Amino acid sequence: MPKMKTHRGAAKRFRKTGSGKLKRAKAFRSHILTKKSPKRKRKLRKAGYLNSTQEKIMKKLLPYL
């Protein structure tokens, strides 16, 4: 059986934490920032985590992570 391929797009967007969860960056922080409040932009800096449903899907895309 050949090795499974890692989904490269997903590999660039997710990191595994020490506890095994998948960490991600939050969306809506790249442009059109003038109309967003400083509080909102500050909260978008922090990392987000995948929920269990999404994590099952990502395990298939990232078999060696």
N, C-alpha and C. Protein backbone atom coordinates (compact mmCIF):
# COMPACT_ATOMS: atom_id res chain seq x y z
N MET A 1 0.85 -1.19 0.00
CA MET A 1 0.00 0.00 0.00
C MET A 1 0.89 1.25 0.00
N PRO A 2 0.65 2.18 -0.92
CA PRO A 2 1.48 3.38 -0.97
C PRO A 2 1.20 4.32 0.21
N LYS A 3 2.13 5.23 0.42
CA LYS A 3 1.96 6.21 1.49
C LYS A 3 0.82 7.15 1.13
N MET A 4 0.13 7.65 2.16
CA MET A 4 -0.94 8.62 1.93
C MET A 4 -0.32 9.99 1.72
N LYS A 5 -0.96 10.80 0.87
CA LYS A 5 -0.45 12.15 0.63
C LYS A 5 -1.11 13.13 1.60
N THR A 6 -0.32 14.05 2.09
CA THR A 6 -0.82 15.12 2.94
C THR A 6 -1.42 16.20 2.05
N HIS A 7 -2.56 16.75 2.46
CA HIS A 7 -3.18 17.86 1.74
C HIS A 7 -2.36 19.11 2.06
N ARG A 8 -1.59 19.60 1.10
CA ARG A 8 -0.62 20.66 1.36
C ARG A 8 -1.29 21.98 1.77
N GLY A 9 -2.45 22.27 1.22
CA GLY A 9 -3.16 23.49 1.59
C GLY A 9 -3.56 23.47 3.06
N ALA A 10 -4.02 22.32 3.53
CA ALA A 10 -4.42 22.18 4.93
C ALA A 10 -3.18 22.18 5.84
N ALA A 11 -2.10 21.60 5.38
CA ALA A 11 -0.87 21.51 6.19
C ALA A 11 -0.31 22.90 6.49
N LYS A 12 -0.52 23.85 5.58
CA LYS A 12 -0.01 25.20 5.77
C LYS A 12 -0.89 26.01 6.74
N ARG A 13 -2.12 25.57 6.94
CA ARG A 13 -3.06 26.34 7.73
C ARG A 13 -3.26 25.85 9.16
N PHE A 14 -2.86 24.62 9.44
CA PHE A 14 -3.10 24.05 10.77
C PHE A 14 -1.82 23.56 11.42
N ARG A 15 -1.77 23.70 12.75
CA ARG A 15 -0.64 23.19 13.54
C ARG A 15 -1.20 22.35 14.66
N LYS A 16 -0.48 21.34 15.05
CA LYS A 16 -0.92 20.50 16.17
C LYS A 16 -0.37 21.06 17.47
N THR A 17 -1.21 21.09 18.51
CA THR A 17 -0.77 21.57 19.82
C THR A 17 -0.22 20.40 20.62
N GLY A 18 0.31 20.69 21.79
CA GLY A 18 0.86 19.64 22.65
C GLY A 18 -0.18 18.63 23.09
N SER A 19 -1.42 19.10 23.26
CA SER A 19 -2.49 18.20 23.70
C SER A 19 -3.14 17.45 22.54
N GLY A 20 -2.70 17.74 21.30
CA GLY A 20 -3.21 17.02 20.14
C GLY A 20 -4.32 17.74 19.39
N LYS A 21 -4.74 18.91 19.86
CA LYS A 21 -5.77 19.67 19.14
C LYS A 21 -5.14 20.33 17.92
N LEU A 22 -6.00 20.76 16.99
CA LEU A 22 -5.51 21.46 15.80
C LEU A 22 -5.77 22.95 15.98
N LYS A 23 -4.72 23.75 15.82
CA LYS A 23 -4.78 25.19 15.98
C LYS A 23 -4.88 25.83 14.61
N ARG A 24 -5.64 26.92 14.53
CA ARG A 24 -5.82 27.61 13.25
C ARG A 24 -5.79 29.11 13.48
N ALA A 25 -5.59 29.86 12.41
CA ALA A 25 -5.66 31.32 12.47
C ALA A 25 -7.10 31.71 12.20
N LYS A 26 -7.52 32.84 12.75
CA LYS A 26 -8.89 33.31 12.52
C LYS A 26 -8.98 34.08 11.21
N ALA A 27 -10.16 34.07 10.62
CA ALA A 27 -10.41 34.73 9.34
C ALA A 27 -10.77 36.21 9.55
N PHE A 28 -10.90 36.95 8.47
CA PHE A 28 -11.35 38.35 8.44
C PHE A 28 -10.32 39.33 9.00
N ARG A 29 -9.04 39.04 8.86
CA ARG A 29 -8.01 39.92 9.41
C ARG A 29 -7.05 40.39 8.32
N SER A 30 -7.34 40.11 7.05
CA SER A 30 -6.38 40.42 6.00
C SER A 30 -6.55 41.80 5.37
N HIS A 31 -7.77 42.26 5.17
CA HIS A 31 -7.98 43.57 4.53
C HIS A 31 -9.32 44.16 4.98
N ILE A 32 -9.59 45.39 4.54
CA ILE A 32 -10.78 46.16 4.97
C ILE A 32 -10.82 46.23 6.49
N LEU A 33 -9.71 46.71 7.07
CA LEU A 33 -9.60 46.75 8.52
C LEU A 33 -10.08 48.06 9.12
N THR A 34 -10.30 49.08 8.30
CA THR A 34 -10.66 50.39 8.84
C THR A 34 -12.04 50.39 9.50
N LYS A 35 -12.96 49.62 8.96
CA LYS A 35 -14.32 49.60 9.54
C LYS A 35 -14.46 48.65 10.72
N LYS A 36 -13.45 47.83 10.96
CA LYS A 36 -13.50 46.90 12.10
C LYS A 36 -12.95 47.57 13.35
N SER A 37 -13.59 47.32 14.46
CA SER A 37 -13.19 47.98 15.71
C SER A 37 -11.85 47.41 16.20
N PRO A 38 -11.10 48.21 16.96
CA PRO A 38 -9.83 47.71 17.51
C PRO A 38 -10.02 46.46 18.38
N LYS A 39 -11.12 46.41 19.10
CA LYS A 39 -11.40 45.25 19.95
C LYS A 39 -11.57 43.99 19.10
N ARG A 40 -12.31 44.13 18.00
CA ARG A 40 -12.55 43.01 17.10
C ARG A 40 -11.25 42.52 16.47
N LYS A 41 -10.41 43.48 16.01
CA LYS A 41 -9.13 43.12 15.38
C LYS A 41 -8.19 42.46 16.39
N ARG A 42 -8.23 42.93 17.63
CA ARG A 42 -7.38 42.36 18.68
C ARG A 42 -7.77 40.91 18.96
N LYS A 43 -9.08 40.64 18.98
CA LYS A 43 -9.56 39.28 19.24
C LYS A 43 -9.24 38.33 18.07
N LEU A 44 -9.15 38.89 16.86
CA LEU A 44 -8.83 38.07 15.68
C LEU A 44 -7.37 37.63 15.66
N ARG A 45 -6.50 38.31 16.45
CA ARG A 45 -5.09 37.92 16.50
C ARG A 45 -4.90 36.57 17.18
N LYS A 46 -5.76 36.26 18.14
CA LYS A 46 -5.61 35.03 18.90
C LYS A 46 -5.93 33.81 18.06
N ALA A 47 -5.37 32.70 18.43
CA ALA A 47 -5.58 31.46 17.68
C ALA A 47 -6.96 30.89 17.96
N GLY A 48 -7.48 30.18 16.97
CA GLY A 48 -8.73 29.44 17.14
C GLY A 48 -8.40 27.96 17.11
N TYR A 49 -9.35 27.14 17.54
CA TYR A 49 -9.14 25.70 17.55
C TYR A 49 -10.29 25.03 16.81
N LEU A 50 -10.02 23.90 16.21
CA LEU A 50 -11.07 23.17 15.50
C LEU A 50 -11.93 22.40 16.48
N ASN A 51 -13.23 22.30 16.17
CA ASN A 51 -14.09 21.47 17.00
C ASN A 51 -13.96 20.01 16.56
N SER A 52 -14.55 19.12 17.34
CA SER A 52 -14.34 17.68 17.11
C SER A 52 -14.83 17.23 15.74
N THR A 53 -15.92 17.82 15.24
CA THR A 53 -16.46 17.44 13.93
C THR A 53 -15.47 17.77 12.82
N GLN A 54 -14.93 18.98 12.86
CA GLN A 54 -13.97 19.40 11.84
C GLN A 54 -12.66 18.64 11.98
N GLU A 55 -12.31 18.30 13.22
CA GLU A 55 -11.05 17.61 13.46
C GLU A 55 -11.02 16.23 12.79
N LYS A 56 -12.15 15.55 12.78
CA LYS A 56 -12.23 14.24 12.13
C LYS A 56 -11.95 14.35 10.63
N ILE A 57 -12.47 15.40 10.01
CA ILE A 57 -12.24 15.64 8.58
C ILE A 57 -10.77 15.94 8.33
N MET A 58 -10.18 16.78 9.18
CA MET A 58 -8.78 17.18 9.02
C MET A 58 -7.81 16.02 9.23
N LYS A 59 -8.17 15.07 10.06
CA LYS A 59 -7.30 13.90 10.29
C LYS A 59 -7.10 13.13 8.99
N LYS A 60 -8.12 13.13 8.13
CA LYS A 60 -8.00 12.46 6.82
C LYS A 60 -7.09 13.24 5.89
N LEU A 61 -7.20 14.58 5.95
CA LEU A 61 -6.37 15.42 5.08
C LEU A 61 -4.91 15.47 5.54
N LEU A 62 -4.70 15.33 6.86
CA LEU A 62 -3.37 15.43 7.44
C LEU A 62 -3.02 14.16 8.20
N PRO A 63 -2.75 13.08 7.47
CA PRO A 63 -2.54 11.79 8.15
C PRO A 63 -1.29 11.73 9.01
N TYR A 64 -0.26 12.54 8.73
CA TYR A 64 1.00 12.43 9.46
C TYR A 64 1.23 13.59 10.43
N LEU A 65 0.21 14.43 10.64
CA LEU A 65 0.36 15.56 11.54
C LEU A 65 0.08 15.15 12.97
